[in-house]
Full PDB file with SEQRES, HELIX, SHEET, SSBOND, CRYST1, ORIGX, SCALE, CONECT and MASTER records, all heavy atoms in Angstrom:
SEQRES   1 A   41  SER PHE PHE LEU GLY HIS PHE PRO ASN ASN PRO ILE PHE          
SEQRES   2 A   41  PRO GLY ILE PHE ILE LEU GLU SER MET MET GLN SER ALA          
SEQRES   3 A   41  GLY ILE LEU ILE GLY ILE ASN ASN LEU ASN VAL VAL ASN          
SEQRES   4 A   41  SER ASN                                                      
HELIX    1 AA1 PHE A    2  LEU A    4  5                                   3    
HELIX    2 AA2 GLY A   15  ASN A   33  1                                  19    
HELIX    3 AA3 LEU A   35  VAL A   37  5                                   3    
CRYST1    1.000    1.000    1.000  90.00  90.00  90.00 P 1           1          
ORIGX1      1.000000  0.000000  0.000000        0.00000                         
ORIGX2      0.000000  1.000000  0.000000        0.00000                         
ORIGX3      0.000000  0.000000  1.000000        0.00000                         
SCALE1      1.000000  0.000000  0.000000        0.00000                         
SCALE2      0.000000  1.000000  0.000000        0.00000                         
SCALE3      0.000000  0.000000  1.000000        0.00000                         
ATOM      1  N   SER A   1     -35.399 -65.508  69.690  1.00  0.00           N  
ATOM      2  CA  SER A   1     -35.924 -66.217  70.789  1.00  0.00           C  
ATOM      3  C   SER A   1     -37.028 -67.183  70.471  1.00  0.00           C  
ATOM      4  O   SER A   1     -37.192 -68.217  71.022  1.00  0.00           O  
ATOM      5  CB  SER A   1     -36.247 -65.368  71.926  1.00  0.00           C  
ATOM      6  OG  SER A   1     -37.392 -64.462  71.564  1.00  0.00           O  
ATOM      7  N   PHE A   2     -37.925 -66.846  69.453  1.00  0.00           N  
ATOM      8  CA  PHE A   2     -39.044 -67.744  69.161  1.00  0.00           C  
ATOM      9  C   PHE A   2     -38.579 -69.069  68.567  1.00  0.00           C  
ATOM     10  O   PHE A   2     -39.283 -70.061  68.689  1.00  0.00           O  
ATOM     11  CB  PHE A   2     -40.028 -67.072  68.177  1.00  0.00           C  
ATOM     12  CG  PHE A   2     -39.416 -66.491  66.920  1.00  0.00           C  
ATOM     13  CD1 PHE A   2     -39.037 -67.386  65.920  1.00  0.00           C  
ATOM     14  CD2 PHE A   2     -39.210 -65.143  66.852  1.00  0.00           C  
ATOM     15  CE1 PHE A   2     -38.445 -66.773  64.750  1.00  0.00           C  
ATOM     16  CE2 PHE A   2     -38.636 -64.613  65.691  1.00  0.00           C  
ATOM     17  CZ  PHE A   2     -38.271 -65.484  64.670  1.00  0.00           C  
ATOM     18  N   PHE A   3     -37.424 -69.232  68.130  1.00  0.00           N  
ATOM     19  CA  PHE A   3     -36.840 -70.478  67.592  1.00  0.00           C  
ATOM     20  C   PHE A   3     -36.724 -71.537  68.710  1.00  0.00           C  
ATOM     21  O   PHE A   3     -36.665 -72.679  68.490  1.00  0.00           O  
ATOM     22  CB  PHE A   3     -35.571 -70.288  66.834  1.00  0.00           C  
ATOM     23  CG  PHE A   3     -35.716 -69.741  65.462  1.00  0.00           C  
ATOM     24  CD1 PHE A   3     -35.103 -68.641  65.004  1.00  0.00           C  
ATOM     25  CD2 PHE A   3     -36.610 -70.457  64.553  1.00  0.00           C  
ATOM     26  CE1 PHE A   3     -35.323 -68.134  63.722  1.00  0.00           C  
ATOM     27  CE2 PHE A   3     -36.726 -69.948  63.298  1.00  0.00           C  
ATOM     28  CZ  PHE A   3     -36.097 -68.852  62.866  1.00  0.00           C  
ATOM     29  N   LEU A   4     -36.628 -71.076  69.990  1.00  0.00           N  
ATOM     30  CA  LEU A   4     -36.351 -71.933  71.098  1.00  0.00           C  
ATOM     31  C   LEU A   4     -37.584 -72.829  71.231  1.00  0.00           C  
ATOM     32  O   LEU A   4     -37.492 -73.911  71.792  1.00  0.00           O  
ATOM     33  CB  LEU A   4     -36.115 -71.176  72.340  1.00  0.00           C  
ATOM     34  CG  LEU A   4     -34.748 -70.324  72.459  1.00  0.00           C  
ATOM     35  CD1 LEU A   4     -34.642 -69.540  73.595  1.00  0.00           C  
ATOM     36  CD2 LEU A   4     -33.597 -71.291  72.267  1.00  0.00           C  
ATOM     37  N   GLY A   5     -38.739 -72.330  70.989  1.00  0.00           N  
ATOM     38  CA  GLY A   5     -40.030 -73.099  71.304  1.00  0.00           C  
ATOM     39  C   GLY A   5     -40.798 -73.480  69.997  1.00  0.00           C  
ATOM     40  O   GLY A   5     -41.696 -74.189  70.081  1.00  0.00           O  
ATOM     41  N   HIS A   6     -40.457 -72.908  68.845  1.00  0.00           N  
ATOM     42  CA  HIS A   6     -41.115 -73.233  67.581  1.00  0.00           C  
ATOM     43  C   HIS A   6     -40.362 -74.361  66.928  1.00  0.00           C  
ATOM     44  O   HIS A   6     -39.394 -74.137  66.166  1.00  0.00           O  
ATOM     45  CB  HIS A   6     -41.230 -71.955  66.738  1.00  0.00           C  
ATOM     46  CG  HIS A   6     -42.289 -72.126  65.752  1.00  0.00           C  
ATOM     47  ND1 HIS A   6     -41.972 -72.244  64.342  1.00  0.00           N  
ATOM     48  CD2 HIS A   6     -43.610 -72.151  65.752  1.00  0.00           C  
ATOM     49  CE1 HIS A   6     -43.083 -72.430  63.658  1.00  0.00           C  
ATOM     50  NE2 HIS A   6     -44.112 -72.302  64.361  1.00  0.00           N  
ATOM     51  N   PHE A   7     -40.841 -75.581  67.080  1.00  0.00           N  
ATOM     52  CA  PHE A   7     -40.311 -76.780  66.720  1.00  0.00           C  
ATOM     53  C   PHE A   7     -38.876 -76.931  67.138  1.00  0.00           C  
ATOM     54  O   PHE A   7     -37.839 -76.877  66.357  1.00  0.00           O  
ATOM     55  CB  PHE A   7     -40.356 -76.813  65.104  1.00  0.00           C  
ATOM     56  CG  PHE A   7     -41.672 -76.996  64.604  1.00  0.00           C  
ATOM     57  CD1 PHE A   7     -42.426 -75.787  64.237  1.00  0.00           C  
ATOM     58  CD2 PHE A   7     -42.274 -78.163  64.285  1.00  0.00           C  
ATOM     59  CE1 PHE A   7     -43.651 -75.887  63.694  1.00  0.00           C  
ATOM     60  CE2 PHE A   7     -43.596 -78.333  63.859  1.00  0.00           C  
ATOM     61  CZ  PHE A   7     -44.275 -77.118  63.482  1.00  0.00           C  
ATOM     62  N   PRO A   8     -38.677 -77.058  68.436  1.00  0.00           N  
ATOM     63  CA  PRO A   8     -37.344 -77.234  69.027  1.00  0.00           C  
ATOM     64  C   PRO A   8     -36.680 -78.378  68.325  1.00  0.00           C  
ATOM     65  O   PRO A   8     -37.074 -79.358  68.000  1.00  0.00           O  
ATOM     66  CB  PRO A   8     -37.636 -77.577  70.474  1.00  0.00           C  
ATOM     67  CG  PRO A   8     -39.005 -77.101  70.797  1.00  0.00           C  
ATOM     68  CD  PRO A   8     -39.753 -77.229  69.428  1.00  0.00           C  
ATOM     69  N   ASN A   9     -35.319 -78.189  68.212  1.00  0.00           N  
ATOM     70  CA  ASN A   9     -34.415 -79.078  67.469  1.00  0.00           C  
ATOM     71  C   ASN A   9     -34.667 -79.255  65.962  1.00  0.00           C  
ATOM     72  O   ASN A   9     -33.980 -79.986  65.296  1.00  0.00           O  
ATOM     73  CB  ASN A   9     -34.387 -80.504  68.178  1.00  0.00           C  
ATOM     74  CG  ASN A   9     -34.161 -80.467  69.597  1.00  0.00           C  
ATOM     75  OD1 ASN A   9     -33.070 -79.742  69.960  1.00  0.00           O  
ATOM     76  ND2 ASN A   9     -34.820 -81.126  70.388  1.00  0.00           N  
ATOM     77  N   ASN A  10     -35.645 -78.637  65.518  1.00  0.00           N  
ATOM     78  CA  ASN A  10     -35.953 -78.514  64.080  1.00  0.00           C  
ATOM     79  C   ASN A  10     -36.557 -77.153  63.786  1.00  0.00           C  
ATOM     80  O   ASN A  10     -37.730 -77.101  63.347  1.00  0.00           O  
ATOM     81  CB  ASN A  10     -36.791 -79.650  63.583  1.00  0.00           C  
ATOM     82  CG  ASN A  10     -36.986 -79.732  62.113  1.00  0.00           C  
ATOM     83  OD1 ASN A  10     -36.180 -79.245  61.336  1.00  0.00           O  
ATOM     84  ND2 ASN A  10     -38.129 -80.223  61.678  1.00  0.00           N  
ATOM     85  N   PRO A  11     -35.927 -76.009  64.070  1.00  0.00           N  
ATOM     86  CA  PRO A  11     -36.509 -74.676  64.008  1.00  0.00           C  
ATOM     87  C   PRO A  11     -36.948 -74.304  62.609  1.00  0.00           C  
ATOM     88  O   PRO A  11     -36.286 -74.503  61.636  1.00  0.00           O  
ATOM     89  CB  PRO A  11     -35.504 -73.813  64.654  1.00  0.00           C  
ATOM     90  CG  PRO A  11     -34.178 -74.432  64.298  1.00  0.00           C  
ATOM     91  CD  PRO A  11     -34.526 -75.929  64.383  1.00  0.00           C  
ATOM     92  N   ILE A  12     -38.180 -73.733  62.520  1.00  0.00           N  
ATOM     93  CA  ILE A  12     -38.617 -73.046  61.312  1.00  0.00           C  
ATOM     94  C   ILE A  12     -39.281 -71.867  61.625  1.00  0.00           C  
ATOM     95  O   ILE A  12     -39.718 -71.515  62.723  1.00  0.00           O  
ATOM     96  CB  ILE A  12     -39.665 -73.965  60.510  1.00  0.00           C  
ATOM     97  CG1 ILE A  12     -40.960 -74.152  61.268  1.00  0.00           C  
ATOM     98  CG2 ILE A  12     -39.020 -75.288  60.066  1.00  0.00           C  
ATOM     99  CD1 ILE A  12     -42.056 -74.808  60.528  1.00  0.00           C  
ATOM    100  N   PHE A  13     -39.075 -70.865  60.731  1.00  0.00           N  
ATOM    101  CA  PHE A  13     -39.685 -69.494  60.913  1.00  0.00           C  
ATOM    102  C   PHE A  13     -41.240 -69.606  60.883  1.00  0.00           C  
ATOM    103  O   PHE A  13     -41.748 -70.097  59.953  1.00  0.00           O  
ATOM    104  CB  PHE A  13     -39.161 -68.592  59.786  1.00  0.00           C  
ATOM    105  CG  PHE A  13     -39.472 -67.068  59.999  1.00  0.00           C  
ATOM    106  CD1 PHE A  13     -38.916 -66.452  61.066  1.00  0.00           C  
ATOM    107  CD2 PHE A  13     -40.127 -66.458  58.962  1.00  0.00           C  
ATOM    108  CE1 PHE A  13     -39.229 -65.095  61.148  1.00  0.00           C  
ATOM    109  CE2 PHE A  13     -40.393 -65.115  59.130  1.00  0.00           C  
ATOM    110  CZ  PHE A  13     -39.851 -64.390  60.233  1.00  0.00           C  
ATOM    111  N   PRO A  14     -41.930 -69.110  61.900  1.00  0.00           N  
ATOM    112  CA  PRO A  14     -43.403 -69.124  61.978  1.00  0.00           C  
ATOM    113  C   PRO A  14     -44.022 -68.578  60.781  1.00  0.00           C  
ATOM    114  O   PRO A  14     -43.695 -67.445  60.345  1.00  0.00           O  
ATOM    115  CB  PRO A  14     -43.784 -68.426  63.244  1.00  0.00           C  
ATOM    116  CG  PRO A  14     -42.471 -68.537  64.128  1.00  0.00           C  
ATOM    117  CD  PRO A  14     -41.327 -68.384  63.097  1.00  0.00           C  
ATOM    118  N   GLY A  15     -45.008 -69.185  60.202  1.00  0.00           N  
ATOM    119  CA  GLY A  15     -45.737 -68.707  59.062  1.00  0.00           C  
ATOM    120  C   GLY A  15     -46.443 -67.395  59.276  1.00  0.00           C  
ATOM    121  O   GLY A  15     -46.493 -66.534  58.371  1.00  0.00           O  
ATOM    122  N   ILE A  16     -46.901 -67.141  60.457  1.00  0.00           N  
ATOM    123  CA  ILE A  16     -47.585 -65.923  60.803  1.00  0.00           C  
ATOM    124  C   ILE A  16     -46.664 -64.782  60.732  1.00  0.00           C  
ATOM    125  O   ILE A  16     -46.908 -63.638  60.322  1.00  0.00           O  
ATOM    126  CB  ILE A  16     -48.394 -65.956  62.160  1.00  0.00           C  
ATOM    127  CG1 ILE A  16     -49.269 -64.808  62.373  1.00  0.00           C  
ATOM    128  CG2 ILE A  16     -47.392 -66.071  63.329  1.00  0.00           C  
ATOM    129  CD1 ILE A  16     -50.480 -64.884  61.505  1.00  0.00           C  
ATOM    130  N   PHE A  17     -45.304 -65.017  61.003  1.00  0.00           N  
ATOM    131  CA  PHE A  17     -44.318 -63.983  60.860  1.00  0.00           C  
ATOM    132  C   PHE A  17     -43.960 -63.676  59.386  1.00  0.00           C  
ATOM    133  O   PHE A  17     -43.488 -62.584  59.071  1.00  0.00           O  
ATOM    134  CB  PHE A  17     -43.070 -64.312  61.674  1.00  0.00           C  
ATOM    135  CG  PHE A  17     -43.257 -64.335  63.132  1.00  0.00           C  
ATOM    136  CD1 PHE A  17     -42.267 -64.950  64.054  1.00  0.00           C  
ATOM    137  CD2 PHE A  17     -44.281 -63.885  63.743  1.00  0.00           C  
ATOM    138  CE1 PHE A  17     -42.458 -65.084  65.287  1.00  0.00           C  
ATOM    139  CE2 PHE A  17     -44.524 -63.879  65.111  1.00  0.00           C  
ATOM    140  CZ  PHE A  17     -43.511 -64.479  65.919  1.00  0.00           C  
ATOM    141  N   ILE A  18     -44.146 -64.647  58.525  1.00  0.00           N  
ATOM    142  CA  ILE A  18     -43.997 -64.421  57.155  1.00  0.00           C  
ATOM    143  C   ILE A  18     -45.045 -63.488  56.651  1.00  0.00           C  
ATOM    144  O   ILE A  18     -44.816 -62.497  55.971  1.00  0.00           O  
ATOM    145  CB  ILE A  18     -44.065 -65.742  56.264  1.00  0.00           C  
ATOM    146  CG1 ILE A  18     -42.891 -66.669  56.669  1.00  0.00           C  
ATOM    147  CG2 ILE A  18     -43.986 -65.447  54.843  1.00  0.00           C  
ATOM    148  CD1 ILE A  18     -42.967 -68.077  56.078  1.00  0.00           C  
ATOM    149  N   LEU A  19     -46.272 -63.795  57.108  1.00  0.00           N  
ATOM    150  CA  LEU A  19     -47.477 -62.803  56.792  1.00  0.00           C  
ATOM    151  C   LEU A  19     -47.138 -61.452  57.296  1.00  0.00           C  
ATOM    152  O   LEU A  19     -47.405 -60.422  56.752  1.00  0.00           O  
ATOM    153  CB  LEU A  19     -48.789 -63.403  57.223  1.00  0.00           C  
ATOM    154  CG  LEU A  19     -49.209 -64.595  56.500  1.00  0.00           C  
ATOM    155  CD1 LEU A  19     -50.482 -65.240  57.121  1.00  0.00           C  
ATOM    156  CD2 LEU A  19     -49.598 -64.222  55.039  1.00  0.00           C  
ATOM    157  N   GLU A  20     -46.696 -61.387  58.685  1.00  0.00           N  
ATOM    158  CA  GLU A  20     -46.352 -60.166  59.292  1.00  0.00           C  
ATOM    159  C   GLU A  20     -45.372 -59.291  58.459  1.00  0.00           C  
ATOM    160  O   GLU A  20     -45.483 -58.115  58.380  1.00  0.00           O  
ATOM    161  CB  GLU A  20     -45.900 -60.382  60.698  1.00  0.00           C  
ATOM    162  CG  GLU A  20     -45.541 -59.112  61.420  1.00  0.00           C  
ATOM    163  CD  GLU A  20     -46.780 -58.227  61.769  1.00  0.00           C  
ATOM    164  OE1 GLU A  20     -47.896 -58.686  61.831  1.00  0.00           O  
ATOM    165  OE2 GLU A  20     -46.579 -57.009  61.883  1.00  0.00           O  
ATOM    166  N   SER A  21     -44.318 -59.979  57.864  1.00  0.00           N  
ATOM    167  CA  SER A  21     -43.321 -59.289  57.101  1.00  0.00           C  
ATOM    168  C   SER A  21     -44.046 -58.688  55.820  1.00  0.00           C  
ATOM    169  O   SER A  21     -43.725 -57.548  55.455  1.00  0.00           O  
ATOM    170  CB  SER A  21     -42.312 -60.273  56.687  1.00  0.00           C  
ATOM    171  OG  SER A  21     -41.257 -59.625  55.930  1.00  0.00           O  
ATOM    172  N   MET A  22     -44.950 -59.398  55.274  1.00  0.00           N  
ATOM    173  CA  MET A  22     -45.755 -58.837  54.082  1.00  0.00           C  
ATOM    174  C   MET A  22     -46.558 -57.662  54.577  1.00  0.00           C  
ATOM    175  O   MET A  22     -46.556 -56.564  53.895  1.00  0.00           O  
ATOM    176  CB  MET A  22     -46.617 -59.891  53.556  1.00  0.00           C  
ATOM    177  CG  MET A  22     -46.005 -60.965  52.861  1.00  0.00           C  
ATOM    178  SD  MET A  22     -47.312 -62.090  52.301  1.00  0.00           S  
ATOM    179  CE  MET A  22     -46.377 -63.483  51.635  1.00  0.00           C  
ATOM    180  N   MET A  23     -47.154 -57.734  55.845  1.00  0.00           N  
ATOM    181  CA  MET A  23     -47.951 -56.619  56.256  1.00  0.00           C  
ATOM    182  C   MET A  23     -47.045 -55.448  56.620  1.00  0.00           C  
ATOM    183  O   MET A  23     -47.544 -54.263  56.356  1.00  0.00           O  
ATOM    184  CB  MET A  23     -48.850 -57.139  57.529  1.00  0.00           C  
ATOM    185  CG  MET A  23     -49.887 -58.223  57.053  1.00  0.00           C  
ATOM    186  SD  MET A  23     -50.949 -58.640  58.398  1.00  0.00           S  
ATOM    187  CE  MET A  23     -49.971 -60.164  59.089  1.00  0.00           C  
ATOM    188  N   GLN A  24     -45.985 -55.608  57.250  1.00  0.00           N  
ATOM    189  CA  GLN A  24     -45.125 -54.574  57.594  1.00  0.00           C  
ATOM    190  C   GLN A  24     -44.481 -53.944  56.195  1.00  0.00           C  
ATOM    191  O   GLN A  24     -44.527 -52.676  56.170  1.00  0.00           O  
ATOM    192  CB  GLN A  24     -44.005 -54.960  58.414  1.00  0.00           C  
ATOM    193  CG  GLN A  24     -44.383 -55.333  59.893  1.00  0.00           C  
ATOM    194  CD  GLN A  24     -43.327 -55.779  60.709  1.00  0.00           C  
ATOM    195  OE1 GLN A  24     -42.035 -55.659  60.398  1.00  0.00           O  
ATOM    196  NE2 GLN A  24     -43.569 -56.507  61.791  1.00  0.00           N  
ATOM    197  N   SER A  25     -44.238 -54.655  55.193  1.00  0.00           N  
ATOM    198  CA  SER A  25     -43.830 -54.048  53.925  1.00  0.00           C  
ATOM    199  C   SER A  25     -44.973 -53.321  53.315  1.00  0.00           C  
ATOM    200  O   SER A  25     -44.703 -52.178  52.771  1.00  0.00           O  
ATOM    201  CB  SER A  25     -43.453 -55.266  53.046  1.00  0.00           C  
ATOM    202  OG  SER A  25     -42.282 -55.946  53.486  1.00  0.00           O  
ATOM    203  N   ALA A  26     -46.259 -53.832  53.383  1.00  0.00           N  
ATOM    204  CA  ALA A  26     -47.360 -52.990  52.934  1.00  0.00           C  
ATOM    205  C   ALA A  26     -47.513 -51.738  53.676  1.00  0.00           C  
ATOM    206  O   ALA A  26     -47.766 -50.678  53.024  1.00  0.00           O  
ATOM    207  CB  ALA A  26     -48.567 -53.925  53.015  1.00  0.00           C  
ATOM    208  N   GLY A  27     -47.284 -51.686  55.008  1.00  0.00           N  
ATOM    209  CA  GLY A  27     -47.381 -50.462  55.769  1.00  0.00           C  
ATOM    210  C   GLY A  27     -46.330 -49.538  55.383  1.00  0.00           C  
ATOM    211  O   GLY A  27     -46.624 -48.311  55.383  1.00  0.00           O  
ATOM    212  N   ILE A  28     -45.208 -49.940  55.101  1.00  0.00           N  
ATOM    213  CA  ILE A  28     -44.104 -49.089  54.628  1.00  0.00           C  
ATOM    214  C   ILE A  28     -44.463 -48.452  53.289  1.00  0.00           C  
ATOM    215  O   ILE A  28     -44.310 -47.238  53.089  1.00  0.00           O  
ATOM    216  CB  ILE A  28     -42.819 -49.827  54.514  1.00  0.00           C  
ATOM    217  CG1 ILE A  28     -42.334 -50.258  55.888  1.00  0.00           C  
ATOM    218  CG2 ILE A  28     -41.696 -48.999  53.760  1.00  0.00           C  
ATOM    219  CD1 ILE A  28     -41.199 -51.236  55.855  1.00  0.00           C  
ATOM    220  N   LEU A  29     -45.086 -49.234  52.373  1.00  0.00           N  
ATOM    221  CA  LEU A  29     -45.485 -48.761  51.101  1.00  0.00           C  
ATOM    222  C   LEU A  29     -46.652 -47.687  51.183  1.00  0.00           C  
ATOM    223  O   LEU A  29     -46.633 -46.625  50.575  1.00  0.00           O  
ATOM    224  CB  LEU A  29     -45.966 -49.864  50.171  1.00  0.00           C  
ATOM    225  CG  LEU A  29     -46.380 -49.456  48.634  1.00  0.00           C  
ATOM    226  CD1 LEU A  29     -45.280 -48.679  48.037  1.00  0.00           C  
ATOM    227  CD2 LEU A  29     -46.699 -50.692  47.924  1.00  0.00           C  
ATOM    228  N   ILE A  30     -47.508 -47.931  52.201  1.00  0.00           N  
ATOM    229  CA  ILE A  30     -48.514 -46.991  52.504  1.00  0.00           C  
ATOM    230  C   ILE A  30     -47.905 -45.619  53.011  1.00  0.00           C  
ATOM    231  O   ILE A  30     -48.330 -44.542  52.482  1.00  0.00           O  
ATOM    232  CB  ILE A  30     -49.567 -47.452  53.487  1.00  0.00           C  
ATOM    233  CG1 ILE A  30     -50.354 -48.588  53.066  1.00  0.00           C  
ATOM    234  CG2 ILE A  30     -50.454 -46.381  54.055  1.00  0.00           C  
ATOM    235  CD1 ILE A  30     -51.165 -49.435  54.035  1.00  0.00           C  
ATOM    236  N   GLY A  31     -46.954 -45.752  53.786  1.00  0.00           N  
ATOM    237  CA  GLY A  31     -46.189 -44.685  54.298  1.00  0.00           C  
ATOM    238  C   GLY A  31     -45.523 -43.809  53.287  1.00  0.00           C  
ATOM    239  O   GLY A  31     -45.469 -42.584  53.118  1.00  0.00           O  
ATOM    240  N   ILE A  32     -44.846 -44.509  52.357  1.00  0.00           N  
ATOM    241  CA  ILE A  32     -44.103 -43.925  51.161  1.00  0.00           C  
ATOM    242  C   ILE A  32     -45.137 -43.196  50.282  1.00  0.00           C  
ATOM    243  O   ILE A  32     -44.838 -42.111  49.846  1.00  0.00           O  
ATOM    244  CB  ILE A  32     -43.383 -45.006  50.419  1.00  0.00           C  
ATOM    245  CG1 ILE A  32     -42.143 -45.480  51.239  1.00  0.00           C  
ATOM    246  CG2 ILE A  32     -42.964 -44.388  49.069  1.00  0.00           C  
ATOM    247  CD1 ILE A  32     -41.515 -46.775  50.635  1.00  0.00           C  
ATOM    248  N   ASN A  33     -46.326 -43.777  50.149  1.00  0.00           N  
ATOM    249  CA  ASN A  33     -47.361 -43.129  49.271  1.00  0.00           C  
ATOM    250  C   ASN A  33     -47.900 -41.944  49.909  1.00  0.00           C  
ATOM    251  O   ASN A  33     -48.487 -41.058  49.167  1.00  0.00           O  
ATOM    252  CB  ASN A  33     -48.471 -44.181  48.923  1.00  0.00           C  
ATOM    253  CG  ASN A  33     -47.965 -45.276  48.021  1.00  0.00           C  
ATOM    254  OD1 ASN A  33     -47.040 -45.071  47.241  1.00  0.00           O  
ATOM    255  ND2 ASN A  33     -48.579 -46.422  48.093  1.00  0.00           N  
ATOM    256  N   ASN A  34     -47.860 -41.857  51.241  1.00  0.00           N  
ATOM    257  CA  ASN A  34     -48.531 -40.737  51.932  1.00  0.00           C  
ATOM    258  C   ASN A  34     -47.440 -40.002  52.807  1.00  0.00           C  
ATOM    259  O   ASN A  34     -47.620 -39.857  54.003  1.00  0.00           O  
ATOM    260  CB  ASN A  34     -49.740 -41.310  52.823  1.00  0.00           C  
ATOM    261  CG  ASN A  34     -50.729 -41.949  52.051  1.00  0.00           C  
ATOM    262  OD1 ASN A  34     -51.419 -41.255  51.308  1.00  0.00           O  
ATOM    263  ND2 ASN A  34     -50.821 -43.256  52.216  1.00  0.00           N  
ATOM    264  N   LEU A  35     -46.441 -39.532  52.179  1.00  0.00           N  
ATOM    265  CA  LEU A  35     -45.338 -38.881  52.982  1.00  0.00           C  
ATOM    266  C   LEU A  35     -45.797 -37.687  53.811  1.00  0.00           C  
ATOM    267  O   LEU A  35     -45.185 -37.419  54.746  1.00  0.00           O  
ATOM    268  CB  LEU A  35     -44.321 -38.359  51.958  1.00  0.00           C  
ATOM    269  CG  LEU A  35     -43.461 -39.446  51.242  1.00  0.00           C  
ATOM    270  CD1 LEU A  35     -42.595 -38.888  50.137  1.00  0.00           C  
ATOM    271  CD2 LEU A  35     -42.781 -40.344  52.158  1.00  0.00           C  
ATOM    272  N   ASN A  36     -46.958 -37.075  53.440  1.00  0.00           N  
ATOM    273  CA  ASN A  36     -47.334 -35.976  54.177  1.00  0.00           C  
ATOM    274  C   ASN A  36     -48.023 -36.298  55.461  1.00  0.00           C  
ATOM    275  O   ASN A  36     -48.298 -35.475  56.363  1.00  0.00           O  
ATOM    276  CB  ASN A  36     -48.394 -35.157  53.318  1.00  0.00           C  
ATOM    277  CG  ASN A  36     -49.608 -36.048  52.861  1.00  0.00           C  
ATOM    278  OD1 ASN A  36     -49.509 -37.199  52.687  1.00  0.00           O  
ATOM    279  ND2 ASN A  36     -50.839 -35.453  52.830  1.00  0.00           N  
ATOM    280  N   VAL A  37     -48.273 -37.626  55.732  1.00  0.00           N  
ATOM    281  CA  VAL A  37     -48.741 -38.072  57.014  1.00  0.00           C  
ATOM    282  C   VAL A  37     -47.744 -38.704  57.934  1.00  0.00           C  
ATOM    283  O   VAL A  37     -48.016 -39.216  58.969  1.00  0.00           O  
ATOM    284  CB  VAL A  37     -49.982 -38.973  56.797  1.00  0.00           C  
ATOM    285  CG1 VAL A  37     -51.128 -38.299  56.203  1.00  0.00           C  
ATOM    286  CG2 VAL A  37     -49.604 -40.234  56.065  1.00  0.00           C  
ATOM    287  N   VAL A  38     -46.548 -38.634  57.528  1.00  0.00           N  
ATOM    288  CA  VAL A  38     -45.387 -39.216  58.412  1.00  0.00           C  
ATOM    289  C   VAL A  38     -45.476 -38.503  59.702  1.00  0.00           C  
ATOM    290  O   VAL A  38     -45.650 -37.354  59.876  1.00  0.00           O  
ATOM    291  CB  VAL A  38     -44.064 -39.055  57.813  1.00  0.00           C  
ATOM    292  CG1 VAL A  38     -42.935 -39.485  58.625  1.00  0.00           C  
ATOM    293  CG2 VAL A  38     -44.027 -39.905  56.434  1.00  0.00           C  
ATOM    294  N   ASN A  39     -45.122 -39.259  60.764  1.00  0.00           N  
ATOM    295  CA  ASN A  39     -45.200 -38.841  62.189  1.00  0.00           C  
ATOM    296  C   ASN A  39     -46.529 -38.397  62.674  1.00  0.00           C  
ATOM    297  O   ASN A  39     -46.607 -37.719  63.723  1.00  0.00           O  
ATOM    298  CB  ASN A  39     -44.055 -37.708  62.339  1.00  0.00           C  
ATOM    299  CG  ASN A  39     -42.743 -38.193  62.085  1.00  0.00           C  
ATOM    300  OD1 ASN A  39     -42.355 -39.327  62.373  1.00  0.00           O  
ATOM    301  ND2 ASN A  39     -41.908 -37.406  61.474  1.00  0.00           N  
ATOM    302  N   SER A  40     -47.616 -38.553  61.936  1.00  0.00           N  
ATOM    303  CA  SER A  40     -48.864 -38.317  62.442  1.00  0.00           C  
ATOM    304  C   SER A  40     -49.371 -39.540  63.313  1.00  0.00           C  
ATOM    305  O   SER A  40     -48.621 -40.492  63.414  1.00  0.00           O  
ATOM    306  CB  SER A  40     -49.884 -38.087  61.308  1.00  0.00           C  
ATOM    307  OG  SER A  40     -50.176 -39.334  60.683  1.00  0.00           O  
ATOM    308  N   ASN A  41     -50.548 -39.554  63.733  1.00  0.00           N  
ATOM    309  CA  ASN A  41     -51.075 -40.587  64.457  1.00  0.00           C  
ATOM    310  C   ASN A  41     -51.761 -41.691  63.592  1.00  0.00           C  
ATOM    311  O   ASN A  41     -52.643 -42.371  64.090  1.00  0.00           O  
ATOM    312  CB  ASN A  41     -52.043 -40.131  65.556  1.00  0.00           C  
ATOM    313  CG  ASN A  41     -51.292 -39.363  66.620  1.00  0.00           C  
ATOM    314  OD1 ASN A  41     -50.130 -39.654  67.059  1.00  0.00           O  
ATOM    315  ND2 ASN A  41     -51.872 -38.432  67.159  1.00  0.00           N  
TER     316      ASN A  41                                                      
MASTER        0    0    0    3    0    0    0    6  315    1    0    4          
END                                                                             
């Protein structure tokens, strides 16, 4: 849905979402490294 308003008629993926993808990937790596804290808070 964000493509509807982010450069309409010339949609590009928002740069902040590129960074967010990196941050989510880092969060997954943190989780993989700390398997004993899965499902904790």
